[in-house]
Amino acid sequence: ETWDLALDAVLGTGARGEPQGLLAEAVQALRQLDEAGTR
């Protein structure tokens, strides 16, 4: 129901352009976890 920590290891320094598709979904999920208080 809640998470203490979330690690973003989706895209690194080599990434270019806008995250698309599932990558964008992962970004959105991490944003929602952030809003819920997850570090």
Full PDB file with SEQRES, HELIX, SHEET, SSBOND, CRYST1, ORIGX, SCALE, CONECT and MASTER records, all heavy atoms in Angstrom:
SEQRES   1 A   39  GLU THR TRP ASP LEU ALA LEU ASP ALA VAL LEU GLY THR          
SEQRES   2 A   39  GLY ALA ARG GLY GLU PRO GLN GLY LEU LEU ALA GLU ALA          
SEQRES   3 A   39  VAL GLN ALA LEU ARG GLN LEU ASP GLU ALA GLY THR ARG          
HELIX    1 AA1 GLY A   21  GLU A   35  1                                  15    
CRYST1    1.000    1.000    1.000  90.00  90.00  90.00 P 1           1          
ORIGX1      1.000000  0.000000  0.000000        0.00000                         
ORIGX2      0.000000  1.000000  0.000000        0.00000                         
ORIGX3      0.000000  0.000000  1.000000        0.00000                         
SCALE1      1.000000  0.000000  0.000000        0.00000                         
SCALE2      0.000000  1.000000  0.000000        0.00000                         
SCALE3      0.000000  0.000000  1.000000        0.00000                         
ATOM      1  N   GLU A   1       0.831  -1.201   0.000  1.00  0.00           N  
ATOM      2  CA  GLU A   1       0.000   0.000   0.000  1.00  0.00           C  
ATOM      3  C   GLU A   1       0.870   1.256   0.000  1.00  0.00           C  
ATOM      4  O   GLU A   1       0.520   2.263  -0.624  1.00  0.00           O  
ATOM      5  CB  GLU A   1      -0.919   0.000   1.220  1.00  0.00           C  
ATOM      6  CG  GLU A   1      -1.928   1.132   1.224  1.00  0.00           C  
ATOM      7  CD  GLU A   1      -2.909   1.016   2.374  1.00  0.00           C  
ATOM      8  OE1 GLU A   1      -3.088  -0.102   2.910  1.00  0.00           O  
ATOM      9  OE2 GLU A   1      -3.501   2.049   2.747  1.00  0.00           O  
ATOM     10  N   THR A   2       1.981   1.193   0.729  1.00  0.00           N  
ATOM     11  CA  THR A   2       2.946   2.300   0.743  1.00  0.00           C  
ATOM     12  C   THR A   2       4.353   1.735   0.580  1.00  0.00           C  
ATOM     13  O   THR A   2       4.617   0.580   0.933  1.00  0.00           O  
ATOM     14  CB  THR A   2       2.877   3.103   2.059  1.00  0.00           C  
ATOM     15  OG1 THR A   2       3.167   2.234   3.161  1.00  0.00           O  
ATOM     16  CG2 THR A   2       1.518   3.743   2.245  1.00  0.00           C  
ATOM     17  N   TRP A   3       5.238   2.584   0.053  1.00  0.00           N  
ATOM     18  CA  TRP A   3       6.647   2.218  -0.125  1.00  0.00           C  
ATOM     19  C   TRP A   3       7.509   3.245   0.607  1.00  0.00           C  
ATOM     20  O   TRP A   3       7.211   4.433   0.612  1.00  0.00           O  
ATOM     21  CB  TRP A   3       7.026   2.208  -1.608  1.00  0.00           C  
ATOM     22  CG  TRP A   3       6.299   1.177  -2.413  1.00  0.00           C  
ATOM     23  CD1 TRP A   3       5.102   1.333  -3.056  1.00  0.00           C  
ATOM     24  CD2 TRP A   3       6.712  -0.166  -2.638  1.00  0.00           C  
ATOM     25  NE1 TRP A   3       4.749   0.171  -3.693  1.00  0.00           N  
ATOM     26  CE2 TRP A   3       5.722  -0.778  -3.442  1.00  0.00           C  
ATOM     27  CE3 TRP A   3       7.815  -0.919  -2.256  1.00  0.00           C  
ATOM     28  CZ2 TRP A   3       5.791  -2.092  -3.859  1.00  0.00           C  
ATOM     29  CZ3 TRP A   3       7.901  -2.234  -2.674  1.00  0.00           C  
ATOM     30  CH2 TRP A   3       6.905  -2.823  -3.470  1.00  0.00           C  
ATOM     31  N   ASP A   4       8.603   2.752   1.198  1.00  0.00           N  
ATOM     32  CA  ASP A   4       9.531   3.666   1.864  1.00  0.00           C  
ATOM     33  C   ASP A   4      10.511   4.281   0.862  1.00  0.00           C  
ATOM     34  O   ASP A   4      10.857   5.460   0.980  1.00  0.00           O  
ATOM     35  CB  ASP A   4      10.320   2.910   2.949  1.00  0.00           C  
ATOM     36  CG  ASP A   4       9.406   2.299   3.991  1.00  0.00           C  
ATOM     37  OD1 ASP A   4       8.703   3.074   4.660  1.00  0.00           O  
ATOM     38  OD2 ASP A   4       9.384   1.057   4.115  1.00  0.00           O  
ATOM     39  N   LEU A   5      10.966   3.485  -0.080  1.00  0.00           N  
ATOM     40  CA  LEU A   5      11.971   3.925  -1.044  1.00  0.00           C  
ATOM     41  C   LEU A   5      11.583   3.457  -2.441  1.00  0.00           C  
ATOM     42  O   LEU A   5      11.043   2.346  -2.608  1.00  0.00           O  
ATOM     43  CB  LEU A   5      13.348   3.349  -0.704  1.00  0.00           C  
ATOM     44  CG  LEU A   5      14.023   3.803   0.595  1.00  0.00           C  
ATOM     45  CD1 LEU A   5      15.195   2.878   0.930  1.00  0.00           C  
ATOM     46  CD2 LEU A   5      14.500   5.240   0.472  1.00  0.00           C  
ATOM     47  N   ALA A   6      11.858   4.277  -3.429  1.00  0.00           N  
ATOM     48  CA  ALA A   6      11.714   3.871  -4.831  1.00  0.00           C  
ATOM     49  C   ALA A   6      12.973   4.298  -5.566  1.00  0.00           C  
ATOM     50  O   ALA A   6      13.415   5.445  -5.433  1.00  0.00           O  
ATOM     51  CB  ALA A   6      10.483   4.513  -5.463  1.00  0.00           C  
ATOM     52  N   LEU A   7      13.564   3.381  -6.303  1.00  0.00           N  
ATOM     53  CA  LEU A   7      14.774   3.667  -7.061  1.00  0.00           C  
ATOM     54  C   LEU A   7      14.437   3.792  -8.538  1.00  0.00           C  
ATOM     55  O   LEU A   7      13.889   2.871  -9.145  1.00  0.00           O  
ATOM     56  CB  LEU A   7      15.821   2.571  -6.848  1.00  0.00           C  
ATOM     57  CG  LEU A   7      17.107   2.712  -7.672  1.00  0.00           C  
ATOM     58  CD1 LEU A   7      17.826   4.021  -7.344  1.00  0.00           C  
ATOM     59  CD2 LEU A   7      18.035   1.515  -7.452  1.00  0.00           C  
ATOM     60  N   ASP A   8      14.786   4.933  -9.094  1.00  0.00           N  
ATOM     61  CA  ASP A   8      14.626   5.199 -10.529  1.00  0.00           C  
ATOM     62  C   ASP A   8      15.911   4.790 -11.237  1.00  0.00           C  
ATOM     63  O   ASP A   8      16.894   5.517 -11.236  1.00  0.00           O  
ATOM     64  CB  ASP A   8      14.339   6.687 -10.738  1.00  0.00           C  
ATOM     65  CG  ASP A   8      14.445   7.108 -12.205  1.00  0.00           C  
ATOM     66  OD1 ASP A   8      14.344   6.230 -13.078  1.00  0.00           O  
ATOM     67  OD2 ASP A   8      14.631   8.316 -12.452  1.00  0.00           O  
ATOM     68  N   ALA A   9      15.898   3.605 -11.848  1.00  0.00           N  
ATOM     69  CA  ALA A   9      17.015   3.141 -12.675  1.00  0.00           C  
ATOM     70  C   ALA A   9      16.495   2.842 -14.076  1.00  0.00           C  
ATOM     71  O   ALA A   9      16.883   1.859 -14.712  1.00  0.00           O  
ATOM     72  CB  ALA A   9      17.656   1.899 -12.051  1.00  0.00           C  
ATOM     73  N   VAL A  10      15.604   3.706 -14.552  1.00  0.00           N  
ATOM     74  CA  VAL A  10      14.926   3.479 -15.830  1.00  0.00           C  
ATOM     75  C   VAL A  10      15.804   3.937 -16.988  1.00  0.00           C  
ATOM     76  O   VAL A  10      16.119   3.164 -17.897  1.00  0.00           O  
ATOM     77  CB  VAL A  10      13.570   4.201 -15.843  1.00  0.00           C  
ATOM     78  CG1 VAL A  10      12.874   3.990 -17.198  1.00  0.00           C  
ATOM     79  CG2 VAL A  10      12.682   3.684 -14.711  1.00  0.00           C  
ATOM     80  N   LEU A  11      16.197   5.210 -16.977  1.00  0.00           N  
ATOM     81  CA  LEU A  11      17.046   5.753 -18.033  1.00  0.00           C  
ATOM     82  C   LEU A  11      18.196   6.512 -17.388  1.00  0.00           C  
ATOM     83  O   LEU A  11      18.004   7.221 -16.396  1.00  0.00           O  
ATOM     84  CB  LEU A  11      16.260   6.705 -18.943  1.00  0.00           C  
ATOM     85  CG  LEU A  11      15.132   6.097 -19.778  1.00  0.00           C  
ATOM     86  CD1 LEU A  11      14.384   7.206 -20.522  1.00  0.00           C  
ATOM     87  CD2 LEU A  11      15.664   5.068 -20.758  1.00  0.00           C  
ATOM     88  N   GLY A  12      19.385   6.394 -17.970  1.00  0.00           N  
ATOM     89  CA  GLY A  12      20.563   7.055 -17.423  1.00  0.00           C  
ATOM     90  C   GLY A  12      21.002   8.237 -18.258  1.00  0.00           C  
ATOM     91  O   GLY A  12      20.221   8.833 -19.006  1.00  0.00           O  
ATOM     92  N   THR A  13      22.293   8.543 -18.172  1.00  0.00           N  
ATOM     93  CA  THR A  13      22.822   9.728 -18.849  1.00  0.00           C  
ATOM     94  C   THR A  13      22.805   9.593 -20.374  1.00  0.00           C  
ATOM     95  O   THR A  13      22.836  10.591 -21.080  1.00  0.00           O  
ATOM     96  CB  THR A  13      24.268  10.012 -18.402  1.00  0.00           C  
ATOM     97  OG1 THR A  13      25.065   8.842 -18.635  1.00  0.00           O  
ATOM     98  CG2 THR A  13      24.313  10.373 -16.939  1.00  0.00           C  
ATOM     99  N   GLY A  14      22.762   8.371 -20.868  1.00  0.00           N  
ATOM    100  CA  GLY A  14      22.793   8.183 -22.317  1.00  0.00           C  
ATOM    101  C   GLY A  14      21.455   8.380 -22.993  1.00  0.00           C  
ATOM    102  O   GLY A  14      21.370   8.369 -24.222  1.00  0.00           O  
ATOM    103  N   ALA A  15      20.387   8.558 -22.208  1.00  0.00           N  
ATOM    104  CA  ALA A  15      19.051   8.675 -22.793  1.00  0.00           C  
ATOM    105  C   ALA A  15      18.883  10.002 -23.515  1.00  0.00           C  
ATOM    106  O   ALA A  15      19.434  11.021 -23.115  1.00  0.00           O  
ATOM    107  CB  ALA A  15      17.998   8.534 -21.701  1.00  0.00           C  
ATOM    108  N   ARG A  16      18.099   9.977 -24.586  1.00  0.00           N  
ATOM    109  CA  ARG A  16      17.800  11.188 -25.345  1.00  0.00           C  
ATOM    110  C   ARG A  16      16.318  11.241 -25.652  1.00  0.00           C  
ATOM    111  O   ARG A  16      15.681  10.215 -25.880  1.00  0.00           O  
ATOM    112  CB  ARG A  16      18.598  11.221 -26.651  1.00  0.00           C  
ATOM    113  CG  ARG A  16      20.112  11.312 -26.458  1.00  0.00           C  
ATOM    114  CD  ARG A  16      20.830  11.325 -27.788  1.00  0.00           C  
ATOM    115  NE  ARG A  16      22.283  11.397 -27.619  1.00  0.00           N  
ATOM    116  CZ  ARG A  16      23.154  11.358 -28.610  1.00  0.00           C  
ATOM    117  NH1 ARG A  16      22.718  11.254 -29.858  1.00  0.00           N  
ATOM    118  NH2 ARG A  16      24.449  11.425 -28.378  1.00  0.00           N  
ATOM    119  N   GLY A  17      15.797  12.443 -25.691  1.00  0.00           N  
ATOM    120  CA  GLY A  17      14.413  12.615 -26.072  1.00  0.00           C  
ATOM    121  C   GLY A  17      13.444  12.330 -24.942  1.00  0.00           C  
ATOM    122  O   GLY A  17      13.822  12.028 -23.813  1.00  0.00           O  
ATOM    123  N   GLU A  18      12.175  12.424 -25.290  1.00  0.00           N  
ATOM    124  CA  GLU A  18      11.079  12.274 -24.334  1.00  0.00           C  
ATOM    125  C   GLU A  18      10.846  10.796 -24.031  1.00  0.00           C  
ATOM    126  O   GLU A  18      10.780   9.969 -24.936  1.00  0.00           O  
ATOM    127  CB  GLU A  18       9.823  12.878 -24.954  1.00  0.00           C  
ATOM    128  CG  GLU A  18       8.669  13.014 -24.011  1.00  0.00           C  
ATOM    129  CD  GLU A  18       8.663  14.360 -23.300  1.00  0.00           C  
ATOM    130  OE1 GLU A  18       9.386  15.267 -23.730  1.00  0.00           O  
ATOM    131  OE2 GLU A  18       7.923  14.474 -22.319  1.00  0.00           O  
ATOM    132  N   PRO A  19      10.735  10.402 -22.733  1.00  0.00           N  
ATOM    133  CA  PRO A  19      10.344   9.019 -22.430  1.00  0.00           C  
ATOM    134  C   PRO A  19       8.982   8.721 -23.054  1.00  0.00           C  
ATOM    135  O   PRO A  19       8.046   9.508 -22.925  1.00  0.00           O  
ATOM    136  CB  PRO A  19      10.278   9.003 -20.901  1.00  0.00           C  
ATOM    137  CG  PRO A  19      11.149  10.130 -20.457  1.00  0.00           C  
ATOM    138  CD  PRO A  19      11.001  11.184 -21.512  1.00  0.00           C  
ATOM    139  N   GLN A  20       8.898   7.586 -23.735  1.00  0.00           N  
ATOM    140  CA  GLN A  20       7.673   7.224 -24.443  1.00  0.00           C  
ATOM    141  C   GLN A  20       7.131   5.907 -23.919  1.00  0.00           C  
ATOM    142  O   GLN A  20       7.854   5.105 -23.327  1.00  0.00           O  
ATOM    143  CB  GLN A  20       7.951   7.103 -25.947  1.00  0.00           C  
ATOM    144  CG  GLN A  20       8.484   8.366 -26.608  1.00  0.00           C  
ATOM    145  CD  GLN A  20       7.439   9.454 -26.745  1.00  0.00           C  
ATOM    146  OE1 GLN A  20       6.238   9.175 -26.716  1.00  0.00           O  
ATOM    147  NE2 GLN A  20       7.881  10.698 -26.897  1.00  0.00           N  
ATOM    148  N   GLY A  21       5.863   5.675 -24.171  1.00  0.00           N  
ATOM    149  CA  GLY A  21       5.256   4.390 -23.875  1.00  0.00           C  
ATOM    150  C   GLY A  21       5.402   3.971 -22.433  1.00  0.00           C  
ATOM    151  O   GLY A  21       5.079   4.717 -21.498  1.00  0.00           O  
ATOM    152  N   LEU A  22       5.913   2.760 -22.229  1.00  0.00           N  
ATOM    153  CA  LEU A  22       6.072   2.231 -20.878  1.00  0.00           C  
ATOM    154  C   LEU A  22       7.051   3.050 -20.052  1.00  0.00           C  
ATOM    155  O   LEU A  22       6.916   3.146 -18.829  1.00  0.00           O  
ATOM    156  CB  LEU A  22       6.557   0.778 -20.942  1.00  0.00           C  
ATOM    157  CG  LEU A  22       5.488  -0.296 -21.062  1.00  0.00           C  
ATOM    158  CD1 LEU A  22       6.135  -1.663 -21.179  1.00  0.00           C  
ATOM    159  CD2 LEU A  22       4.547  -0.253 -19.854  1.00  0.00           C  
ATOM    160  N   LEU A  23       8.057   3.632 -20.707  1.00  0.00           N  
ATOM    161  CA  LEU A  23       9.004   4.469 -19.976  1.00  0.00           C  
ATOM    162  C   LEU A  23       8.285   5.670 -19.374  1.00  0.00           C  
ATOM    163  O   LEU A  23       8.543   6.059 -18.232  1.00  0.00           O  
ATOM    164  CB  LEU A  23      10.126   4.928 -20.906  1.00  0.00           C  
ATOM    165  CG  LEU A  23      10.987   3.828 -21.521  1.00  0.00           C  
ATOM    166  CD1 LEU A  23      11.995   4.416 -22.494  1.00  0.00           C  
ATOM    167  CD2 LEU A  23      11.715   3.048 -20.429  1.00  0.00           C  
ATOM    168  N   ALA A  24       7.378   6.269 -20.137  1.00  0.00           N  
ATOM    169  CA  ALA A  24       6.586   7.382 -19.619  1.00  0.00           C  
ATOM    170  C   ALA A  24       5.675   6.915 -18.484  1.00  0.00           C  
ATOM    171  O   ALA A  24       5.474   7.645 -17.501  1.00  0.00           O  
ATOM    172  CB  ALA A  24       5.766   8.015 -20.744  1.00  0.00           C  
ATOM    173  N   GLU A  25       5.150   5.701 -18.597  1.00  0.00           N  
ATOM    174  CA  GLU A  25       4.320   5.144 -17.518  1.00  0.00           C  
ATOM    175  C   GLU A  25       5.149   4.971 -16.244  1.00  0.00           C  
ATOM    176  O   GLU A  25       4.666   5.207 -15.129  1.00  0.00           O  
ATOM    177  CB  GLU A  25       3.722   3.798 -17.946  1.00  0.00           C  
ATOM    178  CG  GLU A  25       2.746   3.869 -19.105  1.00  0.00           C  
ATOM    179  CD  GLU A  25       1.399   4.462 -18.715  1.00  0.00           C  
ATOM    180  OE1 GLU A  25       1.152   4.638 -17.503  1.00  0.00           O  
ATOM    181  OE2 GLU A  25       0.600   4.745 -19.628  1.00  0.00           O  
ATOM    182  N   ALA A  26       6.400   4.548 -16.412  1.00  0.00           N  
ATOM    183  CA  ALA A  26       7.268   4.380 -15.248  1.00  0.00           C  
ATOM    184  C   ALA A  26       7.547   5.716 -14.579  1.00  0.00           C  
ATOM    185  O   ALA A  26       7.557   5.824 -13.349  1.00  0.00           O  
ATOM    186  CB  ALA A  26       8.580   3.714 -15.671  1.00  0.00           C  
ATOM    187  N   VAL A  27       7.770   6.746 -15.395  1.00  0.00           N  
ATOM    188  CA  VAL A  27       7.980   8.085 -14.837  1.00  0.00           C  
ATOM    189  C   VAL A  27       6.743   8.520 -14.056  1.00  0.00           C  
ATOM    190  O   VAL A  27       6.846   9.034 -12.929  1.00  0.00           O  
ATOM    191  CB  VAL A  27       8.290   9.095 -15.960  1.00  0.00           C  
ATOM    192  CG1 VAL A  27       8.264  10.527 -15.426  1.00  0.00           C  
ATOM    193  CG2 VAL A  27       9.643   8.790 -16.586  1.00  0.00           C  
ATOM    194  N   GLN A  28       5.571   8.300 -14.636  1.00  0.00           N  
ATOM    195  CA  GLN A  28       4.334   8.690 -13.970  1.00  0.00           C  
ATOM    196  C   GLN A  28       4.166   7.933 -12.653  1.00  0.00           C  
ATOM    197  O   GLN A  28       3.736   8.509 -11.637  1.00  0.00           O  
ATOM    198  CB  GLN A  28       3.140   8.428 -14.889  1.00  0.00           C  
ATOM    199  CG  GLN A  28       1.791   8.797 -14.308  1.00  0.00           C  
ATOM    200  CD  GLN A  28       1.640  10.274 -14.022  1.00  0.00           C  
ATOM    201  OE1 GLN A  28       2.358  11.092 -14.591  1.00  0.00           O  
ATOM    202  NE2 GLN A  28       0.711  10.622 -13.135  1.00  0.00           N  
ATOM    203  N   ALA A  29       4.502   6.649 -12.647  1.00  0.00           N  
ATOM    204  CA  ALA A  29       4.393   5.860 -11.419  1.00  0.00           C  
ATOM    205  C   ALA A  29       5.311   6.407 -10.336  1.00  0.00           C  
ATOM    206  O   ALA A  29       4.924   6.505  -9.157  1.00  0.00           O  
ATOM    207  CB  ALA A  29       4.726   4.397 -11.714  1.00  0.00           C  
ATOM    208  N   LEU A  30       6.517   6.779 -10.711  1.00  0.00           N  
ATOM    209  CA  LEU A  30       7.458   7.336  -9.743  1.00  0.00           C  
ATOM    210  C   LEU A  30       6.989   8.700  -9.242  1.00  0.00           C  
ATOM    211  O   LEU A  30       7.173   9.043  -8.063  1.00  0.00           O  
ATOM    212  CB  LEU A  30       8.851   7.432 -10.361  1.00  0.00           C  
ATOM    213  CG  LEU A  30       9.554   6.089 -10.561  1.00  0.00           C  
ATOM    214  CD1 LEU A  30      10.721   6.211 -11.541  1.00  0.00           C  
ATOM    215  CD2 LEU A  30      10.054   5.536  -9.223  1.00  0.00           C  
ATOM    216  N   ARG A  31       6.376   9.497 -10.117  1.00  0.00           N  
ATOM    217  CA  ARG A  31       5.826  10.777  -9.689  1.00  0.00           C  
ATOM    218  C   ARG A  31       4.707  10.565  -8.660  1.00  0.00           C  
ATOM    219  O   ARG A  31       4.603  11.291  -7.666  1.00  0.00           O  
ATOM    220  CB  ARG A  31       5.303  11.564 -10.890  1.00  0.00           C  
ATOM    221  CG  ARG A  31       6.372  12.110 -11.827  1.00  0.00           C  
ATOM    222  CD  ARG A  31       7.205  13.192 -11.179  1.00  0.00           C  
ATOM    223  NE  ARG A  31       6.449  14.381 -10.834  1.00  0.00           N  
ATOM    224  CZ  ARG A  31       6.465  15.508 -11.531  1.00  0.00           C  
ATOM    225  NH1 ARG A  31       7.217  15.604 -12.617  1.00  0.00           N  
ATOM    226  NH2 ARG A  31       5.760  16.542 -11.143  1.00  0.00           N  
ATOM    227  N   GLN A  32       3.872   9.580  -8.895  1.00  0.00           N  
ATOM    228  CA  GLN A  32       2.774   9.304  -7.966  1.00  0.00           C  
ATOM    229  C   GLN A  32       3.303   8.790  -6.629  1.00  0.00           C  
ATOM    230  O   GLN A  32       2.772   9.150  -5.572  1.00  0.00           O  
ATOM    231  CB  GLN A  32       1.806   8.303  -8.596  1.00  0.00           C  
ATOM    232  CG  GLN A  32       1.007   8.895  -9.756  1.00  0.00           C  
ATOM    233  CD  GLN A  32       0.198   7.868 -10.517  1.00  0.00           C  
ATOM    234  OE1 GLN A  32       0.427   6.657 -10.401  1.00  0.00           O  
ATOM    235  NE2 GLN A  32      -0.761   8.337 -11.313  1.00  0.00           N  
ATOM    236  N   LEU A  33       4.344   7.966  -6.678  1.00  0.00           N  
ATOM    237  CA  LEU A  33       4.959   7.518  -5.428  1.00  0.00           C  
ATOM    238  C   LEU A  33       5.546   8.699  -4.655  1.00  0.00           C  
ATOM    239  O   LEU A  33       5.425   8.771  -3.425  1.00  0.00           O  
ATOM    240  CB  LEU A  33       6.057   6.488  -5.735  1.00  0.00           C  
ATOM    241  CG  LEU A  33       5.574   5.104  -6.167  1.00  0.00           C  
ATOM    242  CD1 LEU A  33       6.752   4.264  -6.683  1.00  0.00           C  
ATOM    243  CD2 LEU A  33       4.882   4.386  -5.008  1.00  0.00           C  
ATOM    244  N   ASP A  34       6.158   9.611  -5.379  1.00  0.00           N  
ATOM    245  CA  ASP A  34       6.701  10.814  -4.751  1.00  0.00           C  
ATOM    246  C   ASP A  34       5.591  11.593  -4.054  1.00  0.00           C  
ATOM    247  O   ASP A  34       5.737  12.018  -2.894  1.00  0.00           O  
ATOM    248  CB  ASP A  34       7.382  11.671  -5.821  1.00  0.00           C  
ATOM    249  CG  ASP A  34       7.883  12.994  -5.288  1.00  0.00           C  
ATOM    250  OD1 ASP A  34       8.403  13.024  -4.158  1.00  0.00           O  
ATOM    251  OD2 ASP A  34       7.762  14.010  -5.995  1.00  0.00           O  
ATOM    252  N   GLU A  35       4.459  11.777  -4.739  1.00  0.00           N  
ATOM    253  CA  GLU A  35       3.346  12.520  -4.162  1.00  0.00           C  
ATOM    254  C   GLU A  35       2.750  11.802  -2.959  1.00  0.00           C  
ATOM    255  O   GLU A  35       2.188  12.452  -2.058  1.00  0.00           O  
ATOM    256  CB  GLU A  35       2.274  12.740  -5.231  1.00  0.00           C  
ATOM    257  CG  GLU A  35       2.716  13.705  -6.329  1.00  0.00           C  
ATOM    258  CD  GLU A  35       1.828  13.654  -7.555  1.00  0.00           C  
ATOM    259  OE1 GLU A  35       0.829  12.890  -7.537  1.00  0.00           O  
ATOM    260  OE2 GLU A  35       2.133  14.365  -8.542  1.00  0.00           O  
ATOM    261  N   ALA A  36       2.910  10.478  -2.907  1.00  0.00           N  
ATOM    262  CA  ALA A  36       2.398   9.704  -1.777  1.00  0.00           C  
ATOM    263  C   ALA A  36       3.367   9.670  -0.598  1.00  0.00           C  
ATOM    264  O   ALA A  36       3.058   9.064   0.437  1.00  0.00           O  
ATOM    265  CB  ALA A  36       2.096   8.272  -2.226  1.00  0.00           C  
ATOM    266  N   GLY A  37       4.534  10.311  -0.750  1.00  0.00           N  
ATOM    267  CA  GLY A  37       5.468  10.384   0.372  1.00  0.00           C  
ATOM    268  C   GLY A  37       6.630   9.420   0.299  1.00  0.00           C  
ATOM    269  O   GLY A  37       7.456   9.377   1.225  1.00  0.00           O  
ATOM    270  N   THR A  38       6.745   8.646  -0.774  1.00  0.00           N  
ATOM    271  CA  THR A  38       7.879   7.740  -0.938  1.00  0.00           C  
ATOM    272  C   THR A  38       9.138   8.539  -1.259  1.00  0.00           C  
ATOM    273  O   THR A  38       9.087   9.488  -2.053  1.00  0.00           O  
ATOM    274  CB  THR A  38       7.607   6.739  -2.076  1.00  0.00           C  
ATOM    275  OG1 THR A  38       6.398   6.042  -1.799  1.00  0.00           O  
ATOM    276  CG2 THR A  38       8.746   5.739  -2.220  1.00  0.00           C  
ATOM    277  N   ARG A  39      10.247   8.157  -0.658  1.00  0.00           N  
ATOM    278  CA  ARG A  39      11.513   8.798  -1.009  1.00  0.00           C  
ATOM    279  C   ARG A  39      11.998   8.249  -2.347  1.00  0.00           C  
ATOM    280  O   ARG A  39      12.151   7.041  -2.512  1.00  0.00           O  
ATOM    281  CB  ARG A  39      12.555   8.540   0.081  1.00  0.00           C  
ATOM    282  CG  ARG A  39      12.327   9.393   1.325  1.00  0.00           C  
ATOM    283  CD  ARG A  39      13.227   8.967   2.451  1.00  0.00           C  
ATOM    284  NE  ARG A  39      13.183   9.923   3.553  1.00  0.00           N  
ATOM    285  CZ  ARG A  39      13.512   9.638   4.810  1.00  0.00           C  
ATOM    286  NH1 ARG A  39      13.923   8.422   5.119  1.00  0.00           N  
ATOM    287  NH2 ARG A  39      13.453  10.561   5.746  1.00  0.00           N  
TER     288      ARG A  39                                                      
MASTER        0    0    0    1    0    0    0    6  287    1    0    3          
END                                                                             
